[in-house]
Amino acid sequence: MLCFTRQDLRVLQELGGLSPLRLATPNAQPGRERLRHLVIGSPEGVRGAIHHLHVLTYAEQREWSRLVTIPDSGILITPEQGEVFSYLLRYRQLS
């Protein structure tokens, strides 16, 4: 499963039907830096990560989109010039 910000979800809905799934770059807001957060994993793992970020007071749970199934064709993220990417892989204990 994949989680998007609400703004990314609106962009996805406007782009409907594209394959692979495309995350377009929304317009920047003056005086604010945009960060896109992706949480990819099982539904339980994604919900757990969202809950943990909420407990840390980083992001409210209601700010996240609904869970979106990743299509078989994958995901395409289009960065703006000068943007960078960092990836963190974590494992959680299954109960």
C-alpha atoms as a PDB file:
ATOM      1  CA  MET A   1       0.000   0.000   0.000  1.00  0.00           C
ATOM      2  CA  LEU A   2       1.008   3.591  -0.549  1.00  0.00           C
ATOM      3  CA  CYS A   3       0.053   6.776   1.261  1.00  0.00           C
ATOM      4  CA  PHE A   4      -0.030  10.218  -0.295  1.00  0.00           C
ATOM      5  CA  THR A   5      -0.572  13.684   1.089  1.00  0.00           C
ATOM      6  CA  ARG A   6      -4.029  15.046   0.289  1.00  0.00           C
ATOM      7  CA  GLN A   7      -2.485  17.388  -2.288  1.00  0.00           C
ATOM      8  CA  ASP A   8      -0.769  14.476  -4.055  1.00  0.00           C
ATOM      9  CA  LEU A   9      -4.048  12.541  -4.023  1.00  0.00           C
ATOM     10  CA  ARG A  10      -5.858  15.451  -5.710  1.00  0.00           C
ATOM     11  CA  VAL A  11      -3.151  15.524  -8.389  1.00  0.00           C
ATOM     12  CA  LEU A  12      -3.508  11.754  -8.843  1.00  0.00           C
ATOM     13  CA  GLN A  13      -7.261  12.062  -9.270  1.00  0.00           C
ATOM     14  CA  GLU A  14      -6.737  14.739 -11.944  1.00  0.00           C
ATOM     15  CA  LEU A  15      -4.287  12.460 -13.784  1.00  0.00           C
ATOM     16  CA  GLY A  16      -6.574   9.388 -13.554  1.00  0.00           C
ATOM     17  CA  GLY A  17      -5.839   6.370 -15.653  1.00  0.00           C
ATOM     18  CA  LEU A  18      -2.096   6.851 -16.133  1.00  0.00           C
ATOM     19  CA  SER A  19       0.171   3.861 -15.928  1.00  0.00           C
ATOM     20  CA  PRO A  20       2.492   3.712 -14.080  1.00  0.00           C
ATOM     21  CA  LEU A  21       1.048   5.741 -11.240  1.00  0.00           C
ATOM     22  CA  ARG A  22       2.435   9.280 -11.536  1.00  0.00           C
ATOM     23  CA  LEU A  23       3.082  11.674  -8.688  1.00  0.00           C
ATOM     24  CA  ALA A  24       3.080  15.073 -10.325  1.00  0.00           C
ATOM     25  CA  THR A  25       4.849  18.030  -8.740  1.00  0.00           C
ATOM     26  CA  PRO A  26       2.199  20.371  -7.300  1.00  0.00           C
ATOM     27  CA  ASN A  27       2.757  24.125  -7.366  1.00  0.00           C
ATOM     28  CA  ALA A  28       4.964  25.454  -4.575  1.00  0.00           C
ATOM     29  CA  GLN A  29       3.512  27.868  -2.043  1.00  0.00           C
ATOM     30  CA  PRO A  30       5.462  31.091  -1.393  1.00  0.00           C
ATOM     31  CA  GLY A  31       7.524  30.945   1.797  1.00  0.00           C
ATOM     32  CA  ARG A  32       6.962  27.205   2.283  1.00  0.00           C
ATOM     33  CA  GLU A  33       9.029  24.211   1.291  1.00  0.00           C
ATOM     34  CA  ARG A  34       7.101  21.214   0.013  1.00  0.00           C
ATOM     35  CA  LEU A  35       8.082  17.773   1.260  1.00  0.00           C
ATOM     36  CA  ARG A  36       6.327  14.699  -0.103  1.00  0.00           C
ATOM     37  CA  HIS A  37       6.068  11.753   2.256  1.00  0.00           C
ATOM     38  CA  LEU A  38       5.543   8.245   0.944  1.00  0.00           C
ATOM     39  CA  VAL A  39       4.865   5.345   3.275  1.00  0.00           C
ATOM     40  CA  ILE A  40       4.884   2.034   1.416  1.00  0.00           C
ATOM     41  CA  GLY A  41       4.135  -1.324   3.022  1.00  0.00           C
ATOM     42  CA  SER A  42       1.289  -3.500   4.205  1.00  0.00           C
ATOM     43  CA  PRO A  43      -1.933  -1.718   5.210  1.00  0.00           C
ATOM     44  CA  GLU A  44      -1.174  -2.459   8.880  1.00  0.00           C
ATOM     45  CA  GLY A  45       2.409  -1.225   8.548  1.00  0.00           C
ATOM     46  CA  VAL A  46       1.388   1.993   6.794  1.00  0.00           C
ATOM     47  CA  ARG A  47      -1.318   2.709   9.366  1.00  0.00           C
ATOM     48  CA  GLY A  48       1.200   2.006  12.145  1.00  0.00           C
ATOM     49  CA  ALA A  49       3.745   4.434  10.668  1.00  0.00           C
ATOM     50  CA  ILE A  50       1.077   7.126  10.303  1.00  0.00           C
ATOM     51  CA  HIS A  51      -0.005   6.561  13.899  1.00  0.00           C
ATOM     52  CA  HIS A  52       3.613   6.768  15.092  1.00  0.00           C
ATOM     53  CA  LEU A  53       4.146  10.080  13.269  1.00  0.00           C
ATOM     54  CA  HIS A  54       0.959  11.325  14.936  1.00  0.00           C
ATOM     55  CA  VAL A  55       2.180  10.292  18.405  1.00  0.00           C
ATOM     56  CA  LEU A  56       5.441  12.158  17.724  1.00  0.00           C
ATOM     57  CA  THR A  57       3.287  15.228  16.835  1.00  0.00           C
ATOM     58  CA  TYR A  58       4.842  15.314  13.361  1.00  0.00           C
ATOM     59  CA  ALA A  59       1.647  14.858  11.337  1.00  0.00           C
ATOM     60  CA  GLU A  60      -2.033  14.508  12.150  1.00  0.00           C
ATOM     61  CA  GLN A  61      -3.583  11.228  11.010  1.00  0.00           C
ATOM     62  CA  ARG A  62      -6.365  13.095   9.200  1.00  0.00           C
ATOM     63  CA  GLU A  63      -3.795  14.848   6.978  1.00  0.00           C
ATOM     64  CA  TRP A  64      -2.916  11.605   5.202  1.00  0.00           C
ATOM     65  CA  SER A  65      -4.856  10.310   2.229  1.00  0.00           C
ATOM     66  CA  ARG A  66      -6.754   7.074   2.215  1.00  0.00           C
ATOM     67  CA  LEU A  67      -4.663   4.011   1.384  1.00  0.00           C
ATOM     68  CA  VAL A  68      -4.088   3.591  -2.345  1.00  0.00           C
ATOM     69  CA  THR A  69      -3.208   0.248  -3.955  1.00  0.00           C
ATOM     70  CA  ILE A  70      -0.024   0.370  -6.045  1.00  0.00           C
ATOM     71  CA  PRO A  71      -0.719  -0.755  -9.630  1.00  0.00           C
ATOM     72  CA  ASP A  72       1.279  -3.633 -11.137  1.00  0.00           C
ATOM     73  CA  SER A  73       3.025  -1.138 -13.423  1.00  0.00           C
ATOM     74  CA  GLY A  74       4.626   0.663 -10.461  1.00  0.00           C
ATOM     75  CA  ILE A  75       5.004   4.309  -9.470  1.00  0.00           C
ATOM     76  CA  LEU A  76       6.636   7.208 -11.317  1.00  0.00           C
ATOM     77  CA  ILE A  77       7.668  10.249  -9.258  1.00  0.00           C
ATOM     78  CA  THR A  78       8.589  13.399 -11.196  1.00  0.00           C
ATOM     79  CA  PRO A  79      10.945  15.649  -9.227  1.00  0.00           C
ATOM     80  CA  GLU A  80      11.625  19.303  -9.868  1.00  0.00           C
ATOM     81  CA  GLN A  81      15.134  20.350 -10.865  1.00  0.00           C
ATOM     82  CA  GLY A  82      17.405  20.408  -7.829  1.00  0.00           C
ATOM     83  CA  GLU A  83      15.240  18.131  -5.666  1.00  0.00           C
ATOM     84  CA  VAL A  84      16.916  15.224  -3.920  1.00  0.00           C
ATOM     85  CA  PHE A  85      15.709  11.871  -2.630  1.00  0.00           C
ATOM     86  CA  SER A  86      16.490   9.919   0.521  1.00  0.00           C
ATOM     87  CA  TYR A  87      15.219   6.431   1.252  1.00  0.00           C
ATOM     88  CA  LEU A  88      14.840   4.729   4.609  1.00  0.00           C
ATOM     89  CA  LEU A  89      14.039   1.035   4.846  1.00  0.00           C
ATOM     90  CA  ARG A  90      12.778  -0.203   8.197  1.00  0.00           C
ATOM     91  CA  TYR A  91      11.403  -3.506   9.372  1.00  0.00           C
ATOM     92  CA  ARG A  92       8.658  -4.011  11.925  1.00  0.00           C
ATOM     93  CA  GLN A  93       8.040  -7.085  14.026  1.00  0.00           C
ATOM     94  CA  LEU A  94       4.970  -9.019  12.865  1.00  0.00           C
ATOM     95  CA  SER A  95       2.672 -10.054  15.672  1.00  0.00           C
END
